[in-house]
C-alpha atoms as a PDB file:
ATOM      1  CA  MET A   1     -29.762  96.347 102.796  1.00  0.00           C
ATOM      2  CA  ARG A   2     -29.107  94.194 105.478  1.00  0.00           C
ATOM      3  CA  LEU A   3     -31.157  90.789 107.002  1.00  0.00           C
ATOM      4  CA  THR A   4     -30.669  92.135 110.785  1.00  0.00           C
ATOM      5  CA  ASN A   5     -32.972  94.853 109.402  1.00  0.00           C
ATOM      6  CA  LEU A   6     -35.920  92.948 108.381  1.00  0.00           C
ATOM      7  CA  ALA A   7     -35.983  89.215 110.710  1.00  0.00           C
ATOM      8  CA  THR A   8     -33.669  88.533 113.544  1.00  0.00           C
ATOM      9  CA  LEU A   9     -32.724  84.737 113.696  1.00  0.00           C
ATOM     10  CA  SER A  10     -32.009  82.385 116.593  1.00  0.00           C
ATOM     11  CA  GLU A  11     -31.540  78.715 117.037  1.00  0.00           C
ATOM     12  CA  ALA A  12     -34.751  76.946 119.044  1.00  0.00           C
ATOM     13  CA  LEU A  13     -35.350  73.563 119.280  1.00  0.00           C
ATOM     14  CA  GLY A  14     -38.265  72.482 116.598  1.00  0.00           C
ATOM     15  CA  PRO A  15     -39.621  68.960 115.108  1.00  0.00           C
ATOM     16  CA  THR A  16     -37.855  67.786 112.514  1.00  0.00           C
ATOM     17  CA  GLN A  17     -40.381  67.295 109.700  1.00  0.00           C
ATOM     18  CA  ILE A  18     -44.337  67.910 110.232  1.00  0.00           C
ATOM     19  CA  ASP A  19     -46.450  65.813 108.777  1.00  0.00           C
ATOM     20  CA  HIS A  20     -50.010  66.536 107.636  1.00  0.00           C
ATOM     21  CA  PHE A  21     -52.622  64.787 106.649  1.00  0.00           C
ATOM     22  CA  ASN A  22     -56.455  66.508 105.129  1.00  0.00           C
ATOM     23  CA  ARG A  23     -53.867  69.152 104.410  1.00  0.00           C
ATOM     24  CA  ARG A  24     -53.472  68.952 108.425  1.00  0.00           C
ATOM     25  CA  ARG A  25     -50.905  68.637 111.146  1.00  0.00           C
ATOM     26  CA  LYS A  26     -50.923  65.507 112.477  1.00  0.00           C
ATOM     27  CA  ILE A  27     -49.729  63.429 115.512  1.00  0.00           C
ATOM     28  CA  THR A  28     -49.297  59.144 114.511  1.00  0.00           C
ATOM     29  CA  VAL A  29     -50.108  57.246 117.669  1.00  0.00           C
ATOM     30  CA  VAL A  30     -49.045  53.654 117.135  1.00  0.00           C
ATOM     31  CA  ALA A  31     -49.413  50.736 119.915  1.00  0.00           C
ATOM     32  CA  ASN A  32     -49.149  47.684 119.529  1.00  0.00           C
ATOM     33  CA  LEU A  33     -52.305  45.916 121.017  1.00  0.00           C
ATOM     34  CA  ASP A  34     -50.988  42.396 122.618  1.00  0.00           C
ATOM     35  CA  GLY A  35     -53.144  40.177 122.078  1.00  0.00           C
ATOM     36  CA  ILE A  36     -55.903  43.035 122.735  1.00  0.00           C
ATOM     37  CA  PRO A  37     -58.723  42.859 120.361  1.00  0.00           C
ATOM     38  CA  LEU A  38     -59.333  45.628 117.600  1.00  0.00           C
ATOM     39  CA  ASP A  39     -61.634  46.976 118.079  1.00  0.00           C
ATOM     40  CA  GLY A  40     -61.493  46.664 122.274  1.00  0.00           C
ATOM     41  CA  ALA A  41     -58.825  49.183 121.753  1.00  0.00           C
ATOM     42  CA  VAL A  42     -60.333  51.717 119.354  1.00  0.00           C
ATOM     43  CA  THR A  43     -63.633  52.162 122.063  1.00  0.00           C
ATOM     44  CA  ARG A  44     -61.060  52.440 124.560  1.00  0.00           C
ATOM     45  CA  ILE A  45     -59.075  55.256 122.684  1.00  0.00           C
ATOM     46  CA  LYS A  46     -62.098  56.801 121.724  1.00  0.00           C
ATOM     47  CA  GLU A  47     -62.704  56.808 125.397  1.00  0.00           C
ATOM     48  CA  ILE A  48     -59.757  58.118 126.398  1.00  0.00           C
ATOM     49  CA  ILE A  49     -60.529  61.190 123.248  1.00  0.00           C
ATOM     50  CA  ALA A  50     -63.781  61.759 124.821  1.00  0.00           C
ATOM     51  CA  GLY A  51     -62.350  62.666 128.552  1.00  0.00           C
ATOM     52  CA  LEU A  52     -59.368  65.158 127.016  1.00  0.00           C
ATOM     53  CA  ASP A  53     -60.656  68.890 127.242  1.00  0.00           C
ATOM     54  CA  LEU A  54     -59.241  69.087 123.121  1.00  0.00           C
ATOM     55  CA  PRO A  55     -60.066  72.955 121.122  1.00  0.00           C
ATOM     56  CA  ALA A  56     -62.999  72.397 118.493  1.00  0.00           C
ATOM     57  CA  SER A  57     -60.069  72.379 115.968  1.00  0.00           C
ATOM     58  CA  TYR A  58     -58.653  69.751 117.148  1.00  0.00           C
ATOM     59  CA  LYS A  59     -60.165  66.443 115.657  1.00  0.00           C
ATOM     60  CA  ALA A  60     -58.813  62.781 116.191  1.00  0.00           C
ATOM     61  CA  GLU A  61     -59.389  59.915 113.625  1.00  0.00           C
ATOM     62  CA  PHE A  62     -58.374  56.375 113.337  1.00  0.00           C
ATOM     63  CA  THR A  63     -57.187  55.544 109.916  1.00  0.00           C
ATOM     64  CA  GLY A  64     -54.933  52.588 109.232  1.00  0.00           C
ATOM     65  CA  GLN A  65     -56.727  48.387 110.807  1.00  0.00           C
ATOM     66  CA  ALA A  66     -58.993  50.924 113.171  1.00  0.00           C
ATOM     67  CA  LYS A  67     -60.568  52.304 110.116  1.00  0.00           C
ATOM     68  CA  ASN A  68     -60.532  49.425 107.437  1.00  0.00           C
ATOM     69  CA  MET A  69     -62.258  47.303 109.554  1.00  0.00           C
ATOM     70  CA  ALA A  70     -64.975  50.725 110.682  1.00  0.00           C
ATOM     71  CA  GLN A  71     -65.657  50.595 106.561  1.00  0.00           C
ATOM     72  CA  ALA A  72     -65.949  46.604 106.043  1.00  0.00           C
ATOM     73  CA  LEU A  73     -68.384  47.835 109.451  1.00  0.00           C
ATOM     74  CA  ALA A  74     -70.330  49.852 107.340  1.00  0.00           C
ATOM     75  CA  ASN A  75     -70.477  48.368 103.639  1.00  0.00           C
ATOM     76  CA  PHE A  76     -71.563  44.466 105.764  1.00  0.00           C
ATOM     77  CA  LEU A  77     -74.636  47.066 107.300  1.00  0.00           C
ATOM     78  CA  ILE A  78     -75.193  47.990 103.988  1.00  0.00           C
ATOM     79  CA  ALA A  79     -74.621  44.333 102.428  1.00  0.00           C
ATOM     80  CA  PHE A  80     -77.239  42.493 105.150  1.00  0.00           C
ATOM     81  CA  LEU A  81     -79.928  44.955 104.934  1.00  0.00           C
ATOM     82  CA  LEU A  82     -79.809  45.366 100.946  1.00  0.00           C
ATOM     83  CA  SER A  83     -80.095  40.878 101.599  1.00  0.00           C
ATOM     84  CA  LEU A  84     -83.404  41.525 103.387  1.00  0.00           C
ATOM     85  CA  LEU A  85     -84.730  43.620 101.351  1.00  0.00           C
ATOM     86  CA  PHE A  86     -84.146  41.446  97.986  1.00  0.00           C
ATOM     87  CA  MET A  87     -84.781  38.188  99.844  1.00  0.00           C
ATOM     88  CA  TYR A  88     -88.711  40.485 100.309  1.00  0.00           C
ATOM     89  CA  MET A  89     -89.024  41.506  97.461  1.00  0.00           C
ATOM     90  CA  ILE A  90     -88.385  37.896  96.619  1.00  0.00           C
ATOM     91  CA  LEU A  91     -90.553  36.265  98.203  1.00  0.00           C
ATOM     92  CA  ALA A  92     -93.419  39.565  98.522  1.00  0.00           C
ATOM     93  CA  ALA A  93     -93.472  37.989  94.372  1.00  0.00           C
ATOM     94  CA  GLN A  94     -93.293  34.283  94.317  1.00  0.00           C
ATOM     95  CA  PHE A  95     -96.317  34.182  97.640  1.00  0.00           C
ATOM     96  CA  GLU A  96     -98.210  38.041  95.900  1.00  0.00           C
ATOM     97  CA  SER A  97     -98.322  39.057  98.935  1.00  0.00           C
ATOM     98  CA  PHE A  98     -96.904  41.717 101.579  1.00  0.00           C
ATOM     99  CA  THR A  99     -97.242  40.024 104.475  1.00  0.00           C
ATOM    100  CA  HIS A 100     -96.743  36.133 103.461  1.00  0.00           C
ATOM    101  CA  PRO A 101     -92.874  37.317 103.309  1.00  0.00           C
ATOM    102  CA  ILE A 102     -92.866  39.051 106.533  1.00  0.00           C
ATOM    103  CA  THR A 103     -94.099  36.541 108.414  1.00  0.00           C
ATOM    104  CA  ILE A 104     -90.811  33.771 106.872  1.00  0.00           C
ATOM    105  CA  LEU A 105     -88.265  36.529 107.440  1.00  0.00           C
ATOM    106  CA  LEU A 106     -89.009  37.131 110.707  1.00  0.00           C
ATOM    107  CA  ALA A 107     -89.073  33.182 111.672  1.00  0.00           C
ATOM    108  CA  LEU A 108     -85.875  32.601 110.185  1.00  0.00           C
ATOM    109  CA  PRO A 109     -83.428  33.864 114.009  1.00  0.00           C
ATOM    110  CA  LEU A 110     -85.730  30.921 115.345  1.00  0.00           C
ATOM    111  CA  CYS A 111     -84.097  28.070 112.732  1.00  0.00           C
ATOM    112  CA  ILE A 112     -80.755  28.853 114.205  1.00  0.00           C
ATOM    113  CA  PRO A 113     -79.384  26.432 116.656  1.00  0.00           C
ATOM    114  CA  LEU A 114     -77.884  26.798 120.152  1.00  0.00           C
ATOM    115  CA  PRO A 115     -75.197  25.726 121.041  1.00  0.00           C
END
């Protein structure tokens, strides 16, 4: 049995390496921001991706510093909300009231000095 009976071989151009991320093929786009803030670049890239007519099977994900920034923001919001909850619980325990801590916490932003 010969190989030509099973398949035909031909030379063609193709990628030298196929990278994968989460069991899917990936394309890495690297950019030099040159003084542009990272969050501004991420929002601009999201606008460009939204303007593209990609099939449903395609997905764009950020990795590296952009992913770390998004995770840090999410963790900061969770920590901030938990701190508000704990402050309310401590004030409610000290004043033995559910309404006084609310008035105190609502007055806190007024104490911030403006430039």
